[in-house]
Amino acid sequence: MKLPYEFLPKTTESSVASSEEFIDASTEAALLFGGTATSVKVIAEESAALPEGKLVDTDTSLRLQTATIQSDRWSTSLQTLIDQPPSYLPYQLIAGGIAFCITIITWANLGQIEEIGKARGRLIPLGEVYKVHPVIFGKVARVYIQEGQKVKAGEVIAQLDQEIALNELDRLKQELTAYQTQALQTQGLIDKTRLETKMRIAINQAEIQGQKATIAQALSKIQSQKVAITQGEERAKISQALLDQLNKDATAQKERLQRLTALVEEGALSQEQLFQAQQNLSDRQRTITQQSGDIQQTLAESQREQMALQQVLSESQRLQAELTQKQAEGNTVELQSEQAIQKLQVQKTQLQAQVQQTAKLILEAKTKLKQLALTAPVDGTVLSLNVRNSGEVVQSGQTIAELAPENAPLILEATLPTKEAGFVKVGNEVKIKFDAYPYQDYSIIPGKVISISPNSTVNEQLGAVYRLEIALDRNYVKANHQTIKFQAGQTATAEIIIRRRRIIDILLEPLKELQAGGSSL
């Protein structure tokens, strides 16, 4: 409110007349300006003439009025101080404070703060991670590589102790050699037995053939003997018939001779005719005697032939018996040979089976020996190595190394506590800070959540956690105009933007919690 100067109270002379009084302004001065004030003599001064017709502020008019009313009681110095124009700094400070508060409130209402969930993890190749593990129990003899080292397919990562496997392989090789030698010896015996059998059978067959030939000769001789005997018998029959005829003729001649003798004696016949008859009778008797001798000879020959035939028959029977025996011997030899060969064949089969089994065991031993050399399955980088020193014992199936395939894209596999995982979803933006590359120098690598495990697992340090897979926008950092590519196994911290909240909500959250706690009470 502003008033014209003419409405302000005028200073009268009476007030000036009483201006030489002493007043105590210590209290007012102390209240206004601080410090300690003393009583001073008031020196009356005429009020300054104010321009007519001008408007002044209400506060100014009130101060002028108050100064005019009390000027007769204040000291000159205090009055001078009071009459000085007021300072605008407090008003500016107040106005600035109000503006600051309005700005803060507006910022708190409109501004947002990102809630960050931190997850620790390491780089792994996207897709399959090859795990190297022994298939048998063993002791580490030597470790050839280190974590982070690049390896080629087939390169030895670690070597297990080979002493036992080598001893077993040598033993199996010796057994194989022994079995092979025995098998060869058995085959030699089989061949020898077959050859001997063939020779014995051949000899037996030759003997049988000879025996058959002898028997055939004997049979032929028997047949000849039979023919001779038959012929002798026929001759004997003819000779006997002739002898009988001669005997008849001789008897007839004798009778005729007797008749002739009587006739000669009677003189009816000459002596010459009797002599001729006697001569004929003598011829007949000689013929009979000769024929009887021939018959006896023929009979004797026939008897001899019969005896020879009996001998030949006996010899033939003997030869036939020998033939039967030789045939039986041949059959026995062949049977015994077959039995011996079959037995040797069984031994050979068993030895061959042992050879095959031993060869199979040797292959297994060689495979086992190869398995003692733990090699890289593919070209890549060693992510982790769980053995460090010689002498460590590893179990079958124990993972000793993890291998990232070469040129496989890298992702960050991280674990996030369950209390921070409630608002995380696929597609959330991530800020990644690598331990090996300080973000102050190498900047922060952006990324996105591409996978969240459906179930939580228990971590010894963090408790229940979820496994996240985070894709990187780039797989390198730059420093000093050089590009440094990330390597599998490098660790990093992923700051996941869980949600954005208004600043005022965060500031008022303690009050809300306090209010909620009070209401629950």
Protein backbone atom coordinates (compact mmCIF):
# COMPACT_ATOMS: atom_id res chain seq x y z
CA MET A 1 0.00 0.00 0.00
CA LYS A 2 1.35 3.42 -1.03
CA LEU A 3 0.30 6.84 0.44
CA PRO A 4 0.96 10.40 -0.70
CA TYR A 5 3.42 12.35 1.30
CA GLU A 6 0.81 14.88 2.37
CA PHE A 7 -0.93 12.25 4.45
CA LEU A 8 2.16 11.52 6.45
CA PRO A 9 2.34 13.05 9.95
CA LYS A 10 4.26 16.29 10.11
CA THR A 11 6.99 16.95 12.58
CA THR A 12 6.07 19.80 14.90
CA GLU A 13 8.26 22.21 16.66
CA SER A 14 7.18 20.91 20.04
CA SER A 15 8.65 17.62 19.16
CA VAL A 16 11.88 19.32 18.25
CA ALA A 17 11.90 21.26 21.47
CA SER A 18 11.93 18.11 23.47
CA SER A 19 14.58 16.47 21.32
CA GLU A 20 17.38 16.98 23.75
CA GLU A 21 16.15 14.24 26.05
CA PHE A 22 18.14 11.10 26.69
CA ILE A 23 16.49 7.80 25.88
CA ASP A 24 17.51 4.21 26.39
CA ALA A 25 17.45 2.40 23.02
CA SER A 26 19.53 -0.55 24.07
CA THR A 27 16.67 -2.98 23.99
CA GLU A 28 15.39 -1.96 20.56
CA ALA A 29 18.87 -1.85 19.07
CA ALA A 30 19.76 -5.22 20.47
CA LEU A 31 16.59 -6.70 19.06
CA LEU A 32 17.10 -5.14 15.62
CA PHE A 33 20.83 -5.21 15.11
CA GLY A 34 22.22 -7.47 17.80
CA GLY A 35 25.06 -6.63 20.12
CA THR A 36 24.94 -4.20 23.05
CA ALA A 37 23.51 -0.71 22.78
CA THR A 38 24.06 2.25 25.15
CA SER A 39 22.01 5.31 26.00
CA VAL A 40 22.86 8.31 23.83
CA LYS A 41 21.57 11.86 23.62
CA VAL A 42 19.03 12.48 20.95
CA ILE A 43 19.84 15.34 18.66
CA ALA A 44 16.81 16.75 17.07
CA GLU A 45 16.91 17.01 13.34
CA GLU A 46 14.38 18.37 11.04
CA SER A 47 12.75 15.94 8.87
CA ALA A 48 13.74 16.03 5.32
CA ALA A 49 11.26 17.55 3.05
CA LEU A 50 9.59 15.02 0.91
CA PRO A 51 8.43 15.80 -2.53
CA GLU A 52 4.84 16.68 -2.75
CA GLY A 53 2.42 14.51 -4.61
CA LYS A 54 4.59 11.40 -4.82
CA LEU A 55 3.49 8.04 -3.69
CA VAL A 56 5.51 5.97 -1.27
CA ASP A 57 5.22 2.46 -0.04
CA THR A 58 3.10 1.76 2.97
CA ASP A 59 6.11 0.28 4.72
CA THR A 60 8.13 3.40 3.98
CA SER A 61 5.39 5.64 5.24
CA LEU A 62 5.03 3.62 8.39
CA ARG A 63 8.74 3.75 8.99
CA LEU A 64 8.79 7.47 8.43
CA GLN A 65 5.84 7.89 10.76
CA THR A 66 7.42 5.72 13.40
CA ALA A 67 10.71 7.55 13.02
CA THR A 68 8.94 10.88 13.31
CA ILE A 69 6.99 9.84 16.37
CA GLN A 70 9.94 8.33 18.20
CA SER A 71 12.71 10.58 16.92
CA ASP A 72 12.40 12.63 20.01
CA ARG A 73 13.45 9.60 22.09
CA TRP A 74 16.25 7.93 19.97
CA SER A 75 19.83 8.83 19.74
CA THR A 76 21.32 10.39 16.66
CA SER A 77 23.32 7.33 15.67
CA LEU A 78 20.35 5.04 16.09
CA GLN A 79 18.14 7.43 14.23
CA THR A 80 20.72 7.58 11.44
CA LEU A 81 20.78 3.82 11.30
CA ILE A 82 17.03 3.67 11.22
CA ASP A 83 16.79 6.27 8.54
CA GLN A 84 19.08 4.31 6.19
CA PRO A 85 17.24 2.64 3.25
CA PRO A 86 16.35 -1.05 3.92
CA SER A 87 18.50 -3.95 2.41
CA TYR A 88 16.85 -6.28 -0.19
CA LEU A 89 19.21 -9.25 0.42
CA PRO A 90 16.92 -11.01 2.90
CA TYR A 91 14.04 -10.66 0.47
CA GLN A 92 16.20 -12.03 -2.29
CA LEU A 93 17.30 -14.92 -0.11
CA ILE A 94 13.71 -15.69 0.80
CA ALA A 95 12.59 -15.43 -2.80
CA GLY A 96 15.50 -17.60 -3.89
CA GLY A 97 14.68 -20.16 -1.21
CA ILE A 98 11.07 -20.27 -2.31
CA ALA A 99 12.09 -20.66 -5.95
CA PHE A 100 14.57 -23.38 -4.97
CA CYS A 101 11.88 -25.24 -3.05
CA ILE A 102 9.49 -24.98 -5.98
CA THR A 103 12.20 -26.22 -8.32
CA ILE A 104 13.09 -29.10 -6.01
CA ILE A 105 9.46 -30.11 -5.62
CA THR A 106 8.93 -29.94 -9.38
CA TRP A 107 12.11 -31.94 -9.98
CA ALA A 108 11.07 -34.48 -7.34
CA ASN A 109 7.67 -34.86 -9.00
CA LEU A 110 8.86 -35.00 -12.56
CA GLY A 111 12.34 -36.47 -12.17
CA GLN A 112 12.94 -40.23 -12.04
CA ILE A 113 15.71 -42.34 -10.59
CA GLU A 114 16.69 -45.69 -12.04
CA GLU A 115 16.71 -48.59 -9.60
CA ILE A 116 19.73 -50.72 -10.36
CA GLY A 117 20.17 -54.41 -9.67
CA LYS A 118 23.77 -55.57 -9.65
CA ALA A 119 24.65 -59.01 -10.92
CA ARG A 120 28.10 -60.55 -11.03
CA GLY A 121 29.04 -62.80 -13.88
CA ARG A 122 31.55 -63.80 -16.49
CA LEU A 123 31.70 -64.00 -20.26
CA ILE A 124 30.78 -67.30 -21.84
CA PRO A 125 30.24 -68.22 -25.48
CA LEU A 126 26.68 -68.21 -26.67
CA GLY A 127 25.49 -71.76 -27.07
CA GLU A 128 27.37 -74.86 -25.98
CA VAL A 129 30.39 -74.70 -23.68
CA TYR A 130 32.61 -77.71 -24.12
CA LYS A 131 33.57 -79.41 -20.87
CA VAL A 132 36.71 -81.52 -20.66
CA HIS A 133 36.56 -84.33 -18.14
CA PRO A 134 38.29 -87.69 -17.69
CA VAL A 135 36.31 -90.86 -18.23
CA ILE A 136 38.44 -92.80 -15.75
CA PHE A 137 39.91 -92.22 -12.33
CA GLY A 138 43.49 -91.00 -12.38
CA LYS A 139 46.25 -88.80 -11.05
CA VAL A 140 47.38 -85.68 -12.88
CA ALA A 141 50.91 -86.04 -14.22
CA ARG A 142 51.21 -82.68 -15.95
CA VAL A 143 49.14 -79.61 -16.83
CA TYR A 144 50.02 -78.01 -20.16
CA ILE A 145 47.75 -74.96 -20.41
CA GLN A 146 46.43 -72.07 -18.33
CA GLU A 147 43.10 -70.31 -18.02
CA GLY A 148 42.41 -67.92 -20.87
CA GLN A 149 44.87 -69.67 -23.17
CA LYS A 150 43.81 -70.43 -26.72
CA VAL A 151 44.07 -74.06 -27.77
CA LYS A 152 43.67 -76.06 -30.95
CA ALA A 153 41.51 -79.13 -31.37
CA GLY A 154 43.41 -82.16 -30.11
CA GLU A 155 45.89 -80.15 -28.07
CA VAL A 156 46.66 -81.77 -24.71
CA ILE A 157 45.27 -79.82 -21.77
CA ALA A 158 46.41 -82.18 -19.02
CA GLN A 159 48.06 -85.58 -18.89
CA LEU A 160 47.08 -88.23 -16.36
CA ASP A 161 49.57 -90.75 -15.02
CA GLN A 162 50.19 -93.49 -17.63
CA GLU A 163 52.28 -95.96 -15.63
CA ILE A 164 49.47 -98.36 -14.71
CA ALA A 165 47.95 -98.18 -18.19
CA LEU A 166 51.33 -98.80 -19.86
CA ASN A 167 52.03 -101.79 -17.62
CA GLU A 168 48.60 -103.21 -18.39
CA LEU A 169 49.15 -102.65 -22.12
CA ASP A 170 52.54 -104.43 -21.99
CA ARG A 171 50.99 -107.36 -20.12
CA LEU A 172 48.20 -107.67 -22.66
CA LYS A 173 50.67 -107.53 -25.53
CA GLN A 174 52.68 -110.35 -23.97
CA GLU A 175 49.51 -112.39 -23.51
CA LEU A 176 48.53 -111.71 -27.10
CA THR A 177 51.93 -112.87 -28.33
CA ALA A 178 51.66 -116.04 -26.23
CA TYR A 179 48.13 -116.78 -27.47
CA GLN A 180 49.15 -116.14 -31.07
CA THR A 181 52.16 -118.45 -30.69
CA GLN A 182 49.98 -121.17 -29.17
CA ALA A 183 47.44 -120.71 -31.95
CA LEU A 184 50.17 -121.05 -34.58
CA GLN A 185 51.54 -124.14 -32.83
CA THR A 186 48.06 -125.62 -32.66
CA GLN A 187 47.53 -124.91 -36.34
CA GLY A 188 50.88 -126.58 -37.01
CA LEU A 189 49.75 -129.63 -35.05
CA ILE A 190 46.51 -129.67 -37.01
CA ASP A 191 48.37 -129.51 -40.30
CA LYS A 192 50.84 -132.16 -39.13
CA THR A 193 48.05 -134.44 -37.93
CA ARG A 194 46.19 -134.03 -41.19
CA LEU A 195 49.34 -134.78 -43.16
CA GLU A 196 50.14 -137.84 -41.04
CA THR A 197 46.56 -138.98 -41.34
CA LYS A 198 46.65 -138.58 -45.08
CA MET A 199 49.91 -140.51 -45.23
CA ARG A 200 48.64 -143.29 -42.98
CA ILE A 201 45.39 -143.45 -44.87
CA ALA A 202 47.30 -143.52 -48.13
CA ILE A 203 49.53 -146.32 -46.82
CA ASN A 204 46.50 -148.15 -45.54
CA GLN A 205 44.73 -147.70 -48.82
CA ALA A 206 47.81 -148.94 -50.64
CA GLU A 207 47.97 -151.96 -48.35
CA ILE A 208 44.28 -152.53 -48.86
CA GLN A 209 44.68 -152.26 -52.60
CA GLY A 210 47.64 -154.65 -52.45
CA GLN A 211 45.66 -156.97 -50.26
CA LYS A 212 42.78 -156.79 -52.65
CA ALA A 213 45.12 -157.55 -55.52
CA THR A 214 46.54 -160.51 -53.62
CA ILE A 215 43.06 -161.67 -52.82
CA ALA A 216 42.13 -161.24 -56.44
CA GLN A 217 45.14 -163.32 -57.44
CA ALA A 218 44.20 -165.92 -54.85
CA LEU A 219 40.66 -165.94 -56.12
CA SER A 220 41.96 -166.27 -59.65
CA LYS A 221 44.21 -169.08 -58.53
CA ILE A 222 41.32 -170.70 -56.73
CA GLN A 223 39.32 -170.45 -59.88
CA SER A 224 42.19 -171.92 -61.84
CA GLN A 225 42.57 -174.66 -59.29
CA LYS A 226 38.91 -175.39 -59.49
CA VAL A 227 39.10 -175.52 -63.25
CA ALA A 228 42.13 -177.79 -63.07
CA ILE A 229 40.43 -179.99 -60.54
CA THR A 230 37.36 -180.16 -62.70
CA GLN A 231 39.44 -180.97 -65.72
CA GLY A 232 41.37 -183.62 -63.75
CA GLU A 233 38.15 -185.10 -62.58
CA GLU A 234 36.90 -185.12 -66.16
CA ARG A 235 40.09 -186.76 -67.35
CA ALA A 236 39.91 -189.25 -64.50
CA LYS A 237 36.36 -190.04 -65.47
CA ILE A 238 37.37 -190.49 -69.10
CA SER A 239 40.40 -192.53 -68.11
CA GLN A 240 38.29 -194.64 -65.79
CA ALA A 241 35.75 -195.18 -68.51
CA LEU A 242 38.55 -196.09 -70.87
CA LEU A 243 40.07 -198.32 -68.21
CA ASP A 244 36.76 -199.99 -67.68
CA GLN A 245 36.47 -200.50 -71.40
CA LEU A 246 39.99 -201.84 -71.53
CA ASN A 247 39.28 -204.17 -68.64
CA LYS A 248 36.23 -205.36 -70.49
CA ASP A 249 38.26 -205.77 -73.61
CA ALA A 250 40.97 -207.56 -71.63
CA THR A 251 38.44 -209.90 -70.13
CA ALA A 252 37.02 -210.50 -73.54
CA GLN A 253 40.53 -211.08 -74.88
CA LYS A 254 41.23 -213.48 -72.05
CA GLU A 255 38.08 -215.38 -72.81
CA ARG A 256 38.90 -215.38 -76.51
CA LEU A 257 42.47 -216.47 -75.69
CA GLN A 258 41.12 -219.34 -73.68
CA ARG A 259 38.91 -220.29 -76.55
CA LEU A 260 41.73 -219.93 -78.97
CA THR A 261 44.00 -221.95 -76.72
CA ALA A 262 41.45 -224.75 -76.76
CA LEU A 263 41.19 -224.49 -80.51
CA VAL A 264 44.95 -224.51 -80.83
CA GLU A 265 45.11 -227.54 -78.65
CA GLU A 266 42.48 -229.10 -80.76
CA GLY A 267 44.41 -228.04 -83.69
CA ALA A 268 41.65 -226.06 -85.09
CA LEU A 269 43.60 -222.85 -84.99
CA SER A 270 47.18 -222.16 -85.69
CA GLN A 271 49.72 -221.30 -83.08
CA GLU A 272 50.34 -217.98 -84.72
CA GLN A 273 46.80 -216.87 -84.27
CA LEU A 274 47.02 -217.83 -80.63
CA PHE A 275 50.20 -215.85 -80.34
CA GLN A 276 48.52 -212.92 -81.99
CA ALA A 277 45.68 -213.16 -79.53
CA GLN A 278 48.15 -213.41 -76.67
CA GLN A 279 49.95 -210.39 -78.06
CA ASN A 280 46.73 -208.43 -78.25
CA LEU A 281 45.89 -209.42 -74.72
CA SER A 282 49.30 -208.29 -73.55
CA ASP A 283 48.81 -205.00 -75.37
CA ARG A 284 45.47 -204.62 -73.71
CA GLN A 285 46.93 -205.35 -70.32
CA ARG A 286 49.78 -202.90 -70.92
CA THR A 287 47.25 -200.31 -71.98
CA ILE A 288 45.14 -201.06 -68.95
CA THR A 289 48.20 -200.81 -66.75
CA GLN A 290 49.22 -197.56 -68.40
CA GLN A 291 45.73 -196.25 -68.24
CA SER A 292 45.52 -197.20 -64.59
CA GLY A 293 48.75 -195.33 -64.00
CA ASP A 294 47.40 -192.32 -65.81
CA ILE A 295 44.27 -192.50 -63.78
CA GLN A 296 46.28 -192.74 -60.57
CA GLN A 297 48.42 -189.89 -61.69
CA THR A 298 45.36 -187.87 -62.59
CA LEU A 299 43.80 -188.66 -59.25
CA ALA A 300 47.03 -187.74 -57.49
CA GLU A 301 47.15 -184.49 -59.42
CA SER A 302 43.55 -183.90 -58.57
CA GLN A 303 44.29 -184.45 -54.92
CA ARG A 304 47.21 -182.09 -55.17
CA GLU A 305 45.01 -179.56 -56.86
CA GLN A 306 42.46 -180.01 -54.11
CA MET A 307 45.10 -179.48 -51.50
CA ALA A 308 46.43 -176.46 -53.35
CA LEU A 309 42.90 -175.17 -53.64
CA GLN A 310 42.42 -175.57 -49.93
CA GLN A 311 45.63 -173.70 -49.33
CA VAL A 312 44.61 -170.96 -51.71
CA LEU A 313 41.21 -170.79 -50.06
CA SER A 314 42.84 -170.54 -46.67
CA GLU A 315 45.21 -167.86 -47.97
CA SER A 316 42.32 -166.04 -49.52
CA GLN A 317 40.42 -166.11 -46.27
CA ARG A 318 43.52 -164.88 -44.46
CA LEU A 319 44.00 -162.11 -46.99
CA GLN A 320 40.35 -161.20 -46.70
CA ALA A 321 40.68 -161.05 -42.93
CA GLU A 322 43.78 -158.90 -43.27
CA LEU A 323 41.92 -156.69 -45.72
CA THR A 324 39.08 -156.28 -43.30
CA GLN A 325 41.57 -155.51 -40.55
CA LYS A 326 43.41 -152.99 -42.68
CA GLN A 327 40.13 -151.35 -43.63
CA ALA A 328 39.21 -151.21 -39.97
CA GLU A 329 42.64 -149.84 -39.15
CA GLY A 330 42.22 -147.23 -41.88
CA ASN A 331 38.84 -146.25 -40.50
CA THR A 332 40.28 -146.16 -36.99
CA VAL A 333 43.20 -144.03 -38.10
CA GLU A 334 40.87 -141.67 -39.92
CA LEU A 335 38.51 -141.49 -36.96
CA GLN A 336 41.33 -140.95 -34.48
CA SER A 337 42.82 -138.34 -36.75
CA GLU A 338 39.50 -136.54 -37.08
CA GLN A 339 39.05 -136.64 -33.31
CA ALA A 340 42.56 -135.29 -32.76
CA ILE A 341 42.02 -132.61 -35.38
CA GLN A 342 38.68 -131.65 -33.86
CA LYS A 343 40.30 -131.40 -30.45
CA LEU A 344 43.08 -129.26 -31.88
CA GLN A 345 40.47 -127.19 -33.72
CA VAL A 346 38.67 -126.58 -30.43
CA GLN A 347 41.96 -125.53 -28.84
CA LYS A 348 42.69 -123.32 -31.83
CA THR A 349 39.22 -121.77 -31.64
CA GLN A 350 39.69 -121.10 -27.95
CA LEU A 351 43.11 -119.60 -28.60
CA GLN A 352 41.72 -117.47 -31.44
CA ALA A 353 38.94 -116.29 -29.13
CA GLN A 354 41.55 -115.44 -26.52
CA VAL A 355 43.59 -113.67 -29.20
CA GLN A 356 40.54 -111.65 -30.25
CA GLN A 357 39.61 -110.91 -26.66
CA THR A 358 43.17 -109.88 -25.84
CA ALA A 359 43.33 -107.75 -28.99
CA LYS A 360 40.07 -106.12 -27.92
CA LEU A 361 41.52 -105.52 -24.46
CA ILE A 362 44.62 -104.04 -26.09
CA LEU A 363 42.45 -101.68 -28.11
CA GLU A 364 40.61 -100.74 -24.93
CA ALA A 365 43.92 -100.26 -23.15
CA LYS A 366 45.17 -98.07 -25.99
CA THR A 367 41.92 -96.13 -25.91
CA LYS A 368 42.29 -95.82 -22.14
CA LEU A 369 45.86 -94.67 -22.66
CA LYS A 370 44.66 -92.05 -25.12
CA GLN A 371 41.93 -91.03 -22.69
CA LEU A 372 44.61 -90.28 -20.12
CA ALA A 373 45.60 -87.40 -22.38
CA LEU A 374 42.82 -84.86 -21.85
CA THR A 375 42.62 -82.92 -25.11
CA ALA A 376 40.65 -79.98 -26.42
CA PRO A 377 37.63 -81.12 -28.48
CA VAL A 378 37.57 -77.97 -30.64
CA ASP A 379 39.55 -74.84 -31.31
CA GLY A 380 38.79 -72.29 -28.64
CA THR A 381 39.71 -70.58 -25.39
CA VAL A 382 40.00 -72.18 -21.95
CA LEU A 383 37.34 -70.58 -19.77
CA SER A 384 38.20 -72.34 -16.54
CA LEU A 385 40.77 -74.83 -15.32
CA ASN A 386 40.07 -76.85 -12.20
CA VAL A 387 43.48 -78.54 -11.92
CA ARG A 388 46.70 -76.69 -11.33
CA ASN A 389 49.40 -79.02 -10.06
CA SER A 390 50.77 -82.46 -10.76
CA GLY A 391 49.65 -85.17 -8.38
CA GLU A 392 46.05 -83.99 -8.07
CA VAL A 393 43.54 -86.83 -8.20
CA VAL A 394 40.57 -86.48 -10.54
CA GLN A 395 37.42 -88.56 -10.64
CA SER A 396 35.62 -89.94 -13.64
CA GLY A 397 33.28 -87.29 -15.03
CA GLN A 398 34.88 -84.47 -13.05
CA THR A 399 35.09 -81.29 -15.10
CA ILE A 400 38.70 -80.17 -15.25
CA ALA A 401 38.31 -77.49 -17.92
CA GLU A 402 35.66 -75.57 -19.81
CA LEU A 403 36.32 -74.55 -23.37
CA ALA A 404 34.68 -71.80 -25.41
CA PRO A 405 34.55 -72.49 -29.15
CA GLU A 406 36.49 -70.13 -31.34
CA ASN A 407 34.55 -67.26 -32.96
CA ALA A 408 31.46 -67.96 -30.84
CA PRO A 409 29.64 -64.76 -29.77
CA LEU A 410 30.15 -63.95 -26.09
CA ILE A 411 27.40 -63.28 -23.59
CA LEU A 412 27.56 -62.41 -19.92
CA GLU A 413 26.24 -65.13 -17.63
CA ALA A 414 25.39 -63.49 -14.31
CA THR A 415 23.59 -64.28 -11.07
CA LEU A 416 21.06 -61.90 -9.54
CA PRO A 417 19.66 -62.21 -5.99
CA THR A 418 15.96 -62.98 -5.86
CA LYS A 419 15.16 -59.77 -3.99
CA GLU A 420 16.37 -57.79 -7.02
CA ALA A 421 14.99 -60.12 -9.67
CA GLY A 422 11.30 -59.35 -9.21
CA PHE A 423 11.16 -56.60 -11.85
CA VAL A 424 13.78 -58.01 -14.23
CA LYS A 425 12.48 -59.16 -17.57
CA VAL A 426 13.87 -60.02 -20.96
CA GLY A 427 14.81 -56.88 -22.83
CA ASN A 428 15.88 -54.84 -19.79
CA GLU A 429 18.79 -52.54 -20.49
CA VAL A 430 22.05 -53.36 -18.78
CA LYS A 431 25.22 -51.41 -18.07
CA ILE A 432 28.24 -53.69 -17.93
CA LYS A 433 31.46 -52.82 -16.11
CA PHE A 434 34.36 -55.17 -16.69
CA ASP A 435 36.82 -55.82 -13.90
CA ALA A 436 39.72 -55.91 -16.35
CA TYR A 437 38.75 -52.61 -17.99
CA PRO A 438 37.85 -49.80 -15.53
CA TYR A 439 34.80 -48.05 -16.87
CA GLN A 440 36.34 -44.65 -16.06
CA ASP A 441 38.92 -45.35 -18.77
CA TYR A 442 37.17 -47.76 -21.09
CA SER A 443 33.54 -46.67 -20.67
CA ILE A 444 30.53 -48.81 -19.89
CA ILE A 445 29.39 -51.53 -22.28
CA PRO A 446 25.63 -51.50 -22.90
CA GLY A 447 23.64 -54.69 -23.20
CA LYS A 448 20.25 -56.33 -22.84
CA VAL A 449 18.83 -59.24 -20.87
CA ILE A 450 18.13 -62.10 -23.30
CA SER A 451 17.34 -64.94 -20.89
CA ILE A 452 16.20 -65.48 -17.30
CA SER A 453 16.30 -68.88 -15.64
CA PRO A 454 12.81 -70.15 -14.76
CA ASN A 455 13.91 -71.36 -11.33
CA SER A 456 16.28 -70.03 -8.74
CA THR A 457 19.35 -71.81 -7.47
CA VAL A 458 21.18 -71.54 -4.18
CA ASN A 459 24.49 -69.69 -4.09
CA GLU A 460 26.73 -70.14 -1.06
CA GLN A 461 27.40 -66.42 -0.78
CA LEU A 462 24.28 -64.78 -2.22
CA GLY A 463 21.65 -67.32 -1.27
CA ALA A 464 18.84 -67.86 -3.76
CA VAL A 465 19.74 -66.38 -7.14
CA TYR A 466 18.49 -66.36 -10.71
CA ARG A 467 20.77 -66.93 -13.65
CA LEU A 468 20.70 -64.27 -16.36
CA GLU A 469 22.13 -64.21 -19.85
CA ILE A 470 23.03 -60.75 -21.13
CA ALA A 471 23.89 -59.88 -24.72
CA LEU A 472 26.59 -57.27 -25.28
CA ASP A 473 26.13 -54.48 -27.81
CA ARG A 474 29.81 -54.86 -28.70
CA ASN A 475 32.51 -57.34 -27.83
CA TYR A 476 35.43 -54.97 -27.51
CA VAL A 477 36.73 -51.83 -25.85
CA LYS A 478 38.97 -49.17 -27.32
CA ALA A 479 42.04 -47.67 -25.71
CA ASN A 480 44.88 -45.67 -27.24
CA HIS A 481 43.41 -46.18 -30.71
CA GLN A 482 43.50 -49.93 -30.20
CA THR A 483 40.60 -52.35 -30.20
CA ILE A 484 40.75 -54.91 -27.39
CA LYS A 485 38.39 -57.83 -27.83
CA PHE A 486 36.81 -59.49 -24.85
CA GLN A 487 37.78 -63.02 -23.94
CA ALA A 488 35.67 -65.77 -22.52
CA GLY A 489 36.01 -66.06 -18.77
CA GLN A 490 36.43 -62.34 -18.05
CA THR A 491 34.37 -61.16 -15.09
CA ALA A 492 32.13 -58.14 -14.94
CA THR A 493 29.38 -56.44 -12.97
CA ALA A 494 26.07 -55.96 -14.73
CA GLU A 495 23.92 -53.07 -13.57
CA ILE A 496 20.39 -53.90 -14.63
CA ILE A 497 17.84 -51.11 -14.81
CA ILE A 498 15.07 -52.75 -12.86
CA ARG A 499 12.57 -49.85 -12.85
CA ARG A 500 12.31 -46.07 -12.77
CA ARG A 501 10.71 -44.30 -9.77
CA ARG A 502 9.79 -40.69 -9.09
CA ILE A 503 12.23 -38.96 -6.80
CA ILE A 504 9.46 -37.74 -4.52
CA ASP A 505 8.25 -41.32 -4.04
CA ILE A 506 11.72 -42.35 -2.96
CA LEU A 507 11.98 -39.35 -0.60
CA LEU A 508 8.57 -40.02 0.90
CA GLU A 509 9.11 -43.79 1.14
CA PRO A 510 10.54 -43.62 4.70
CA LEU A 511 7.52 -41.57 5.79
CA LYS A 512 5.19 -44.06 4.14
CA GLU A 513 6.96 -46.95 5.83
CA LEU A 514 6.80 -45.08 9.13
CA GLN A 515 3.12 -44.35 8.59
CA ALA A 516 2.48 -47.98 7.64
CA GLY A 517 4.35 -49.09 10.74
CA GLY A 518 2.35 -46.70 12.94
CA SER A 519 -0.96 -47.82 11.47
CA SER A 520 -0.03 -51.43 12.01
CA LEU A 521 0.80 -50.62 15.59
